[in-house]
């Protein structure tokens, strides 16, 4: 049996006011539906991990509504920023109760390290030196703990040129660090609004689907599909093993309006 069960949600894209839609989708409605589904079908959830793009046009009020929903579960929740987020507003509204923007979380013989890949004002990602230094400091401080790394942007191509143009720009440097530490078991991300699951040497790389609309896999340019919203469950085992699976709502996505151009 897994020792720790983590619910990963990503790319909520909440709007400033309840009921507002993006590409025709009520993103807040589906944020609630995804969480309700996760807690209805999973008997054990120990922690919620929210991997960025929590808000589309950030306001304190939108982050406060996220916090209000998350607080109903009375569980630890780690929030990290995506390219659409406002980190200062996140720190103001999402450090309350058991909800935090903590960058390191210790779970018995595991550690979760949350990195900020945001380039303010840009859609792409980068891990600045201070982030890579922080990563290595955590790994040096707890050399006997297995590690799960969480970051918003992806660090491996997914055969979708428009999204791969926005991946972590210094991915090679990041992966070089990861390869030096055998206790790193996996890196999980958001951003790509689709499921990725790859292996690089001994490290597993995967993503969570969006809690709202999904991007078309393998698309050359911006393209959305009405695949149901979802989430990822990650089970961390005492011996360093890891199991993970993606779940989706049983209902189809409603209201999606496809269009070209930036989202």
C-alpha atoms as a PDB file:
ATOM      1  CA  UNK A   1       0.000   0.000   0.000  1.00  0.00           C
ATOM      2  CA  UNK A   2       1.276   3.523  -0.739  1.00  0.00           C
ATOM      3  CA  UNK A   3       2.514   5.552   2.183  1.00  0.00           C
ATOM      4  CA  UNK A   4       1.500   8.952   0.777  1.00  0.00           C
ATOM      5  CA  UNK A   5      -1.161   9.745  -1.799  1.00  0.00           C
ATOM      6  CA  UNK A   6      -0.889  13.093  -3.566  1.00  0.00           C
ATOM      7  CA  UNK A   7      -3.605  14.711  -5.657  1.00  0.00           C
ATOM      8  CA  UNK A   8      -2.074  16.858  -8.401  1.00  0.00           C
ATOM      9  CA  UNK A   9      -4.253  19.499 -10.023  1.00  0.00           C
ATOM     10  CA  UNK A  10      -3.008  21.961 -12.599  1.00  0.00           C
ATOM     11  CA  UNK A  11      -3.935  24.784 -14.938  1.00  0.00           C
ATOM     12  CA  UNK A  12      -7.140  25.907 -13.251  1.00  0.00           C
ATOM     13  CA  UNK A  13      -7.174  29.264 -15.070  1.00  0.00           C
ATOM     14  CA  UNK A  14      -9.669  30.823 -12.677  1.00  0.00           C
ATOM     15  CA  UNK A  15     -11.018  34.155 -13.863  1.00  0.00           C
ATOM     16  CA  UNK A  16     -11.593  37.297 -11.786  1.00  0.00           C
ATOM     17  CA  UNK A  17     -15.304  36.634 -11.197  1.00  0.00           C
ATOM     18  CA  UNK A  18     -17.285  33.426 -10.597  1.00  0.00           C
ATOM     19  CA  UNK A  19     -19.198  32.278 -13.660  1.00  0.00           C
ATOM     20  CA  UNK A  20     -16.844  33.918 -16.159  1.00  0.00           C
ATOM     21  CA  UNK A  21     -15.807  31.719 -19.049  1.00  0.00           C
ATOM     22  CA  UNK A  22     -12.622  31.187 -21.027  1.00  0.00           C
ATOM     23  CA  UNK A  23     -12.941  29.710 -24.513  1.00  0.00           C
ATOM     24  CA  UNK A  24     -16.555  29.186 -23.502  1.00  0.00           C
ATOM     25  CA  UNK A  25     -15.616  27.092 -20.447  1.00  0.00           C
ATOM     26  CA  UNK A  26     -16.571  27.952 -16.860  1.00  0.00           C
ATOM     27  CA  UNK A  27     -13.143  27.160 -15.443  1.00  0.00           C
ATOM     28  CA  UNK A  28     -14.166  27.629 -11.806  1.00  0.00           C
ATOM     29  CA  UNK A  29     -17.064  25.193 -12.180  1.00  0.00           C
ATOM     30  CA  UNK A  30     -14.676  22.503 -13.432  1.00  0.00           C
ATOM     31  CA  UNK A  31     -12.090  23.253 -10.733  1.00  0.00           C
ATOM     32  CA  UNK A  32     -14.774  22.398  -8.179  1.00  0.00           C
ATOM     33  CA  UNK A  33     -15.990  19.363 -10.142  1.00  0.00           C
ATOM     34  CA  UNK A  34     -12.495  17.901 -10.464  1.00  0.00           C
ATOM     35  CA  UNK A  35     -11.826  18.211  -6.733  1.00  0.00           C
ATOM     36  CA  UNK A  36     -15.223  16.759  -5.874  1.00  0.00           C
ATOM     37  CA  UNK A  37     -14.543  13.791  -8.162  1.00  0.00           C
ATOM     38  CA  UNK A  38     -11.047  13.211  -6.768  1.00  0.00           C
ATOM     39  CA  UNK A  39     -12.277  13.021  -3.198  1.00  0.00           C
ATOM     40  CA  UNK A  40     -15.282  10.891  -4.139  1.00  0.00           C
ATOM     41  CA  UNK A  41     -13.290   8.134  -5.875  1.00  0.00           C
ATOM     42  CA  UNK A  42     -10.003   8.133  -3.914  1.00  0.00           C
ATOM     43  CA  UNK A  43     -10.199   6.751  -0.402  1.00  0.00           C
ATOM     44  CA  UNK A  44      -6.878   8.262   0.675  1.00  0.00           C
ATOM     45  CA  UNK A  45      -5.491  11.686  -0.211  1.00  0.00           C
ATOM     46  CA  UNK A  46      -2.778  13.082   2.033  1.00  0.00           C
ATOM     47  CA  UNK A  47      -1.750  16.217   0.163  1.00  0.00           C
ATOM     48  CA  UNK A  48      -2.893  18.420  -2.732  1.00  0.00           C
ATOM     49  CA  UNK A  49      -0.284  19.692  -5.193  1.00  0.00           C
ATOM     50  CA  UNK A  50      -1.364  22.573  -7.468  1.00  0.00           C
ATOM     51  CA  UNK A  51       1.182  23.032 -10.245  1.00  0.00           C
ATOM     52  CA  UNK A  52       0.536  26.482 -11.638  1.00  0.00           C
ATOM     53  CA  UNK A  53      -1.656  28.627 -13.850  1.00  0.00           C
ATOM     54  CA  UNK A  54      -4.072  28.782 -10.957  1.00  0.00           C
ATOM     55  CA  UNK A  55      -5.467  32.067 -12.259  1.00  0.00           C
ATOM     56  CA  UNK A  56      -5.761  33.360 -15.814  1.00  0.00           C
ATOM     57  CA  UNK A  57      -5.976  37.086 -15.011  1.00  0.00           C
ATOM     58  CA  UNK A  58      -4.730  37.081 -11.413  1.00  0.00           C
ATOM     59  CA  UNK A  59      -6.605  38.898  -8.677  1.00  0.00           C
ATOM     60  CA  UNK A  60      -6.458  38.470  -4.933  1.00  0.00           C
ATOM     61  CA  UNK A  61     -10.135  37.522  -5.049  1.00  0.00           C
ATOM     62  CA  UNK A  62      -9.577  34.641  -7.480  1.00  0.00           C
ATOM     63  CA  UNK A  63      -6.782  33.213  -5.349  1.00  0.00           C
ATOM     64  CA  UNK A  64      -8.929  33.640  -2.241  1.00  0.00           C
ATOM     65  CA  UNK A  65     -11.697  31.589  -3.877  1.00  0.00           C
ATOM     66  CA  UNK A  66      -9.170  28.872  -4.665  1.00  0.00           C
ATOM     67  CA  UNK A  67      -8.039  28.910  -1.033  1.00  0.00           C
ATOM     68  CA  UNK A  68     -11.628  28.787   0.213  1.00  0.00           C
ATOM     69  CA  UNK A  69     -12.334  25.639  -1.804  1.00  0.00           C
ATOM     70  CA  UNK A  70      -9.072  23.948  -0.841  1.00  0.00           C
ATOM     71  CA  UNK A  71      -9.590  24.674   2.852  1.00  0.00           C
ATOM     72  CA  UNK A  72     -12.770  22.587   2.862  1.00  0.00           C
ATOM     73  CA  UNK A  73     -10.615  19.440   2.666  1.00  0.00           C
ATOM     74  CA  UNK A  74      -8.479  20.249   5.726  1.00  0.00           C
ATOM     75  CA  UNK A  75      -5.336  18.858   4.089  1.00  0.00           C
ATOM     76  CA  UNK A  76      -1.903  20.271   3.323  1.00  0.00           C
ATOM     77  CA  UNK A  77      -1.826  21.918  -0.102  1.00  0.00           C
ATOM     78  CA  UNK A  78       1.260  23.143  -1.977  1.00  0.00           C
ATOM     79  CA  UNK A  79       0.785  25.838  -4.632  1.00  0.00           C
ATOM     80  CA  UNK A  80       3.411  26.838  -7.173  1.00  0.00           C
ATOM     81  CA  UNK A  81       3.224  29.476  -9.915  1.00  0.00           C
ATOM     82  CA  UNK A  82       2.690  29.118 -13.646  1.00  0.00           C
ATOM     83  CA  UNK A  83       3.285  31.652 -16.363  1.00  0.00           C
ATOM     84  CA  UNK A  84      -0.164  33.228 -15.888  1.00  0.00           C
ATOM     85  CA  UNK A  85       0.154  33.604 -12.119  1.00  0.00           C
ATOM     86  CA  UNK A  86       1.092  36.564  -9.927  1.00  0.00           C
ATOM     87  CA  UNK A  87       3.501  35.204  -7.336  1.00  0.00           C
ATOM     88  CA  UNK A  88       3.058  38.099  -4.895  1.00  0.00           C
ATOM     89  CA  UNK A  89      -0.725  37.681  -4.922  1.00  0.00           C
ATOM     90  CA  UNK A  90      -0.308  33.934  -4.487  1.00  0.00           C
ATOM     91  CA  UNK A  91       1.866  34.462  -1.427  1.00  0.00           C
ATOM     92  CA  UNK A  92      -0.730  36.850  -0.030  1.00  0.00           C
ATOM     93  CA  UNK A  93      -3.786  34.643  -0.534  1.00  0.00           C
ATOM     94  CA  UNK A  94      -2.422  31.091  -0.625  1.00  0.00           C
ATOM     95  CA  UNK A  95      -0.496  30.974   2.633  1.00  0.00           C
ATOM     96  CA  UNK A  96      -3.423  30.279   4.933  1.00  0.00           C
ATOM     97  CA  UNK A  97      -4.116  27.357   7.211  1.00  0.00           C
ATOM     98  CA  UNK A  98      -2.623  24.234   5.644  1.00  0.00           C
ATOM     99  CA  UNK A  99      -2.364  25.889   2.217  1.00  0.00           C
ATOM    100  CA  UNK A 100       1.062  27.236   1.366  1.00  0.00           C
ATOM    101  CA  UNK A 101       3.510  28.183  -1.348  1.00  0.00           C
ATOM    102  CA  UNK A 102       6.226  26.235   0.453  1.00  0.00           C
ATOM    103  CA  UNK A 103       9.045  25.178  -1.812  1.00  0.00           C
ATOM    104  CA  UNK A 104      10.087  22.145   0.242  1.00  0.00           C
ATOM    105  CA  UNK A 105       7.794  19.678   1.994  1.00  0.00           C
ATOM    106  CA  UNK A 106       9.085  16.742   4.031  1.00  0.00           C
ATOM    107  CA  UNK A 107       7.033  13.544   4.158  1.00  0.00           C
ATOM    108  CA  UNK A 108       8.751  10.899   6.271  1.00  0.00           C
ATOM    109  CA  UNK A 109      11.476   9.571   3.914  1.00  0.00           C
ATOM    110  CA  UNK A 110      10.362  11.694   0.916  1.00  0.00           C
ATOM    111  CA  UNK A 111      10.715  15.351   0.079  1.00  0.00           C
ATOM    112  CA  UNK A 112       8.690  17.341  -2.432  1.00  0.00           C
ATOM    113  CA  UNK A 113      10.630  20.219  -3.961  1.00  0.00           C
ATOM    114  CA  UNK A 114       8.539  22.875  -5.732  1.00  0.00           C
ATOM    115  CA  UNK A 115      10.412  25.014  -8.248  1.00  0.00           C
ATOM    116  CA  UNK A 116       9.411  28.298  -9.863  1.00  0.00           C
ATOM    117  CA  UNK A 117       9.910  28.151 -13.646  1.00  0.00           C
ATOM    118  CA  UNK A 118       8.107  31.433 -14.290  1.00  0.00           C
ATOM    119  CA  UNK A 119       9.638  34.142 -16.460  1.00  0.00           C
ATOM    120  CA  UNK A 120       7.486  37.151 -15.479  1.00  0.00           C
ATOM    121  CA  UNK A 121       5.538  38.439 -18.449  1.00  0.00           C
ATOM    122  CA  UNK A 122       6.556  35.557 -20.707  1.00  0.00           C
ATOM    123  CA  UNK A 123       4.745  32.292 -21.541  1.00  0.00           C
ATOM    124  CA  UNK A 124       7.905  30.172 -21.545  1.00  0.00           C
ATOM    125  CA  UNK A 125       9.805  28.780 -18.598  1.00  0.00           C
ATOM    126  CA  UNK A 126      13.262  28.926 -17.123  1.00  0.00           C
ATOM    127  CA  UNK A 127      14.871  27.751 -13.906  1.00  0.00           C
ATOM    128  CA  UNK A 128      17.072  30.569 -12.678  1.00  0.00           C
ATOM    129  CA  UNK A 129      20.312  29.837 -10.840  1.00  0.00           C
ATOM    130  CA  UNK A 130      18.668  30.467  -7.467  1.00  0.00           C
ATOM    131  CA  UNK A 131      16.082  27.775  -8.210  1.00  0.00           C
ATOM    132  CA  UNK A 132      18.694  25.223  -9.249  1.00  0.00           C
ATOM    133  CA  UNK A 133      20.797  26.149  -6.215  1.00  0.00           C
ATOM    134  CA  UNK A 134      17.736  25.689  -3.994  1.00  0.00           C
ATOM    135  CA  UNK A 135      17.087  22.282  -5.553  1.00  0.00           C
ATOM    136  CA  UNK A 136      20.620  21.129  -4.851  1.00  0.00           C
ATOM    137  CA  UNK A 137      20.543  22.568  -1.323  1.00  0.00           C
ATOM    138  CA  UNK A 138      17.429  20.513  -0.543  1.00  0.00           C
ATOM    139  CA  UNK A 139      19.011  17.371  -1.954  1.00  0.00           C
ATOM    140  CA  UNK A 140      22.228  17.929  -0.011  1.00  0.00           C
ATOM    141  CA  UNK A 141      20.322  18.630   3.209  1.00  0.00           C
ATOM    142  CA  UNK A 142      18.358  15.376   3.038  1.00  0.00           C
ATOM    143  CA  UNK A 143      20.506  12.921   1.069  1.00  0.00           C
ATOM    144  CA  UNK A 144      18.625   9.860   2.355  1.00  0.00           C
ATOM    145  CA  UNK A 145      15.164  11.037   1.296  1.00  0.00           C
ATOM    146  CA  UNK A 146      13.573  10.147  -2.009  1.00  0.00           C
ATOM    147  CA  UNK A 147      12.571  13.243  -3.979  1.00  0.00           C
ATOM    148  CA  UNK A 148       9.635  14.312  -6.134  1.00  0.00           C
ATOM    149  CA  UNK A 149      10.206  17.549  -8.051  1.00  0.00           C
ATOM    150  CA  UNK A 150       7.220  19.728  -9.013  1.00  0.00           C
ATOM    151  CA  UNK A 151       7.447  22.530 -11.577  1.00  0.00           C
ATOM    152  CA  UNK A 152       4.982  24.221 -13.918  1.00  0.00           C
ATOM    153  CA  UNK A 153       6.713  24.035 -17.314  1.00  0.00           C
ATOM    154  CA  UNK A 154       7.774  20.794 -19.001  1.00  0.00           C
ATOM    155  CA  UNK A 155      11.434  19.916 -19.500  1.00  0.00           C
ATOM    156  CA  UNK A 156      11.161  17.423 -22.369  1.00  0.00           C
ATOM    157  CA  UNK A 157       9.637  17.940 -25.807  1.00  0.00           C
ATOM    158  CA  UNK A 158       6.159  16.527 -26.446  1.00  0.00           C
ATOM    159  CA  UNK A 159       6.055  16.738 -30.277  1.00  0.00           C
ATOM    160  CA  UNK A 160       3.888  19.848 -30.154  1.00  0.00           C
ATOM    161  CA  UNK A 161       6.034  22.702 -31.525  1.00  0.00           C
ATOM    162  CA  UNK A 162       4.034  25.631 -30.149  1.00  0.00           C
ATOM    163  CA  UNK A 163       4.126  24.191 -26.611  1.00  0.00           C
ATOM    164  CA  UNK A 164       7.718  22.991 -26.874  1.00  0.00           C
ATOM    165  CA  UNK A 165       8.697  26.582 -27.656  1.00  0.00           C
ATOM    166  CA  UNK A 166       7.517  27.374 -24.112  1.00  0.00           C
ATOM    167  CA  UNK A 167       9.260  24.560 -22.224  1.00  0.00           C
ATOM    168  CA  UNK A 168      11.994  25.200 -19.661  1.00  0.00           C
ATOM    169  CA  UNK A 169      14.643  26.967 -21.716  1.00  0.00           C
ATOM    170  CA  UNK A 170      17.549  25.556 -19.736  1.00  0.00           C
ATOM    171  CA  UNK A 171      16.137  22.035 -19.551  1.00  0.00           C
ATOM    172  CA  UNK A 172      19.533  20.488 -20.332  1.00  0.00           C
ATOM    173  CA  UNK A 173      21.027  22.203 -17.289  1.00  0.00           C
ATOM    174  CA  UNK A 174      18.070  21.103 -15.153  1.00  0.00           C
ATOM    175  CA  UNK A 175      18.292  17.488 -16.323  1.00  0.00           C
ATOM    176  CA  UNK A 176      22.032  17.476 -15.698  1.00  0.00           C
ATOM    177  CA  UNK A 177      21.354  18.348 -12.057  1.00  0.00           C
ATOM    178  CA  UNK A 178      18.673  15.656 -11.791  1.00  0.00           C
ATOM    179  CA  UNK A 179      21.007  12.975 -13.122  1.00  0.00           C
ATOM    180  CA  UNK A 180      23.491  13.631 -10.322  1.00  0.00           C
ATOM    181  CA  UNK A 181      21.015  12.650  -7.605  1.00  0.00           C
ATOM    182  CA  UNK A 182      19.687   9.060  -7.685  1.00  0.00           C
ATOM    183  CA  UNK A 183      17.186   9.862  -4.923  1.00  0.00           C
ATOM    184  CA  UNK A 184      15.172  11.941  -7.423  1.00  0.00           C
ATOM    185  CA  UNK A 185      12.439   9.602  -8.574  1.00  0.00           C
ATOM    186  CA  UNK A 186      10.191  11.845 -10.676  1.00  0.00           C
ATOM    187  CA  UNK A 187       9.431  15.325 -11.985  1.00  0.00           C
ATOM    188  CA  UNK A 188       5.808  16.352 -12.407  1.00  0.00           C
ATOM    189  CA  UNK A 189       4.549  19.416 -14.247  1.00  0.00           C
ATOM    190  CA  UNK A 190       1.505  21.171 -15.655  1.00  0.00           C
ATOM    191  CA  UNK A 191       1.344  23.757 -18.440  1.00  0.00           C
ATOM    192  CA  UNK A 192       0.787  21.424 -21.394  1.00  0.00           C
ATOM    193  CA  UNK A 193      -2.912  20.667 -20.666  1.00  0.00           C
ATOM    194  CA  UNK A 194      -2.424  17.009 -21.628  1.00  0.00           C
ATOM    195  CA  UNK A 195      -0.931  13.810 -20.297  1.00  0.00           C
ATOM    196  CA  UNK A 196       2.790  13.152 -20.649  1.00  0.00           C
ATOM    197  CA  UNK A 197       4.619  10.191 -19.112  1.00  0.00           C
ATOM    198  CA  UNK A 198       8.274   9.665 -20.063  1.00  0.00           C
ATOM    199  CA  UNK A 199      11.424   8.155 -18.646  1.00  0.00           C
ATOM    200  CA  UNK A 200      14.816   9.883 -18.722  1.00  0.00           C
ATOM    201  CA  UNK A 201      17.434   7.522 -17.354  1.00  0.00           C
ATOM    202  CA  UNK A 202      16.073   6.542 -13.917  1.00  0.00           C
ATOM    203  CA  UNK A 203      13.802   9.590 -13.591  1.00  0.00           C
ATOM    204  CA  UNK A 204      10.140   9.564 -14.564  1.00  0.00           C
ATOM    205  CA  UNK A 205       8.706  12.732 -16.098  1.00  0.00           C
ATOM    206  CA  UNK A 206       4.955  13.217 -16.161  1.00  0.00           C
ATOM    207  CA  UNK A 207       2.259  15.885 -16.255  1.00  0.00           C
ATOM    208  CA  UNK A 208      -1.259  16.450 -15.015  1.00  0.00           C
ATOM    209  CA  UNK A 209      -4.125  17.327 -17.339  1.00  0.00           C
ATOM    210  CA  UNK A 210      -5.851  20.653 -16.879  1.00  0.00           C
ATOM    211  CA  UNK A 211      -8.863  20.941 -14.616  1.00  0.00           C
ATOM    212  CA  UNK A 212     -10.560  22.791 -17.498  1.00  0.00           C
ATOM    213  CA  UNK A 213      -9.861  22.535 -21.269  1.00  0.00           C
ATOM    214  CA  UNK A 214      -7.143  20.370 -22.853  1.00  0.00           C
ATOM    215  CA  UNK A 215      -4.696  21.075 -25.672  1.00  0.00           C
ATOM    216  CA  UNK A 216      -4.654  18.764 -28.671  1.00  0.00           C
ATOM    217  CA  UNK A 217      -1.686  16.371 -28.406  1.00  0.00           C
ATOM    218  CA  UNK A 218       0.817  16.628 -31.238  1.00  0.00           C
ATOM    219  CA  UNK A 219      -0.624  19.876 -32.567  1.00  0.00           C
ATOM    220  CA  UNK A 220       1.602  22.192 -34.576  1.00  0.00           C
ATOM    221  CA  UNK A 221      -0.135  25.307 -33.256  1.00  0.00           C
ATOM    222  CA  UNK A 222      -2.677  26.302 -30.617  1.00  0.00           C
ATOM    223  CA  UNK A 223      -5.521  23.789 -30.625  1.00  0.00           C
ATOM    224  CA  UNK A 224      -7.975  22.777 -27.898  1.00  0.00           C
ATOM    225  CA  UNK A 225     -10.073  19.625 -27.601  1.00  0.00           C
ATOM    226  CA  UNK A 226     -13.081  18.741 -25.470  1.00  0.00           C
ATOM    227  CA  UNK A 227     -11.390  15.853 -23.650  1.00  0.00           C
ATOM    228  CA  UNK A 228     -12.784  15.759 -20.122  1.00  0.00           C
ATOM    229  CA  UNK A 229     -10.955  17.669 -17.373  1.00  0.00           C
ATOM    230  CA  UNK A 230      -8.852  15.608 -15.005  1.00  0.00           C
ATOM    231  CA  UNK A 231      -6.175  15.240 -12.376  1.00  0.00           C
ATOM    232  CA  UNK A 232      -3.289  12.967 -11.451  1.00  0.00           C
ATOM    233  CA  UNK A 233      -2.849  10.795  -8.376  1.00  0.00           C
ATOM    234  CA  UNK A 234       0.729  10.129  -7.243  1.00  0.00           C
ATOM    235  CA  UNK A 235       1.424   7.414  -4.683  1.00  0.00           C
ATOM    236  CA  UNK A 236       4.791   7.614  -2.932  1.00  0.00           C
ATOM    237  CA  UNK A 237       5.935   4.357  -1.376  1.00  0.00           C
ATOM    238  CA  UNK A 238       8.189   3.866   1.608  1.00  0.00           C
ATOM    239  CA  UNK A 239      10.909   2.130  -0.402  1.00  0.00           C
ATOM    240  CA  UNK A 240      11.125   4.909  -3.009  1.00  0.00           C
ATOM    241  CA  UNK A 241       8.695   3.324  -5.418  1.00  0.00           C
ATOM    242  CA  UNK A 242       6.146   5.517  -7.141  1.00  0.00           C
ATOM    243  CA  UNK A 243       2.810   4.746  -8.757  1.00  0.00           C
ATOM    244  CA  UNK A 244       0.705   7.272 -10.631  1.00  0.00           C
ATOM    245  CA  UNK A 245      -2.448   7.427 -12.724  1.00  0.00           C
ATOM    246  CA  UNK A 246      -4.604  10.052 -14.416  1.00  0.00           C
ATOM    247  CA  UNK A 247      -8.346  10.315 -13.770  1.00  0.00           C
ATOM    248  CA  UNK A 248     -10.945  12.305 -15.683  1.00  0.00           C
ATOM    249  CA  UNK A 249     -14.459  13.501 -15.035  1.00  0.00           C
ATOM    250  CA  UNK A 250     -17.105  11.133 -16.396  1.00  0.00           C
ATOM    251  CA  UNK A 251     -18.886  14.075 -18.009  1.00  0.00           C
ATOM    252  CA  UNK A 252     -17.829  15.738 -21.258  1.00  0.00           C
ATOM    253  CA  UNK A 253     -16.430  19.261 -21.215  1.00  0.00           C
ATOM    254  CA  UNK A 254     -19.260  21.712 -21.858  1.00  0.00           C
ATOM    255  CA  UNK A 255     -19.215  24.975 -23.811  1.00  0.00           C
ATOM    256  CA  UNK A 256     -15.761  24.796 -25.375  1.00  0.00           C
ATOM    257  CA  UNK A 257     -15.239  27.213 -28.242  1.00  0.00           C
ATOM    258  CA  UNK A 258     -12.214  26.411 -30.358  1.00  0.00           C
ATOM    259  CA  UNK A 259     -10.238  29.290 -31.789  1.00  0.00           C
ATOM    260  CA  UNK A 260      -6.764  30.087 -32.969  1.00  0.00           C
ATOM    261  CA  UNK A 261      -4.390  32.410 -31.242  1.00  0.00           C
ATOM    262  CA  UNK A 262      -3.065  32.784 -27.709  1.00  0.00           C
ATOM    263  CA  UNK A 263      -5.153  31.674 -24.759  1.00  0.00           C
END
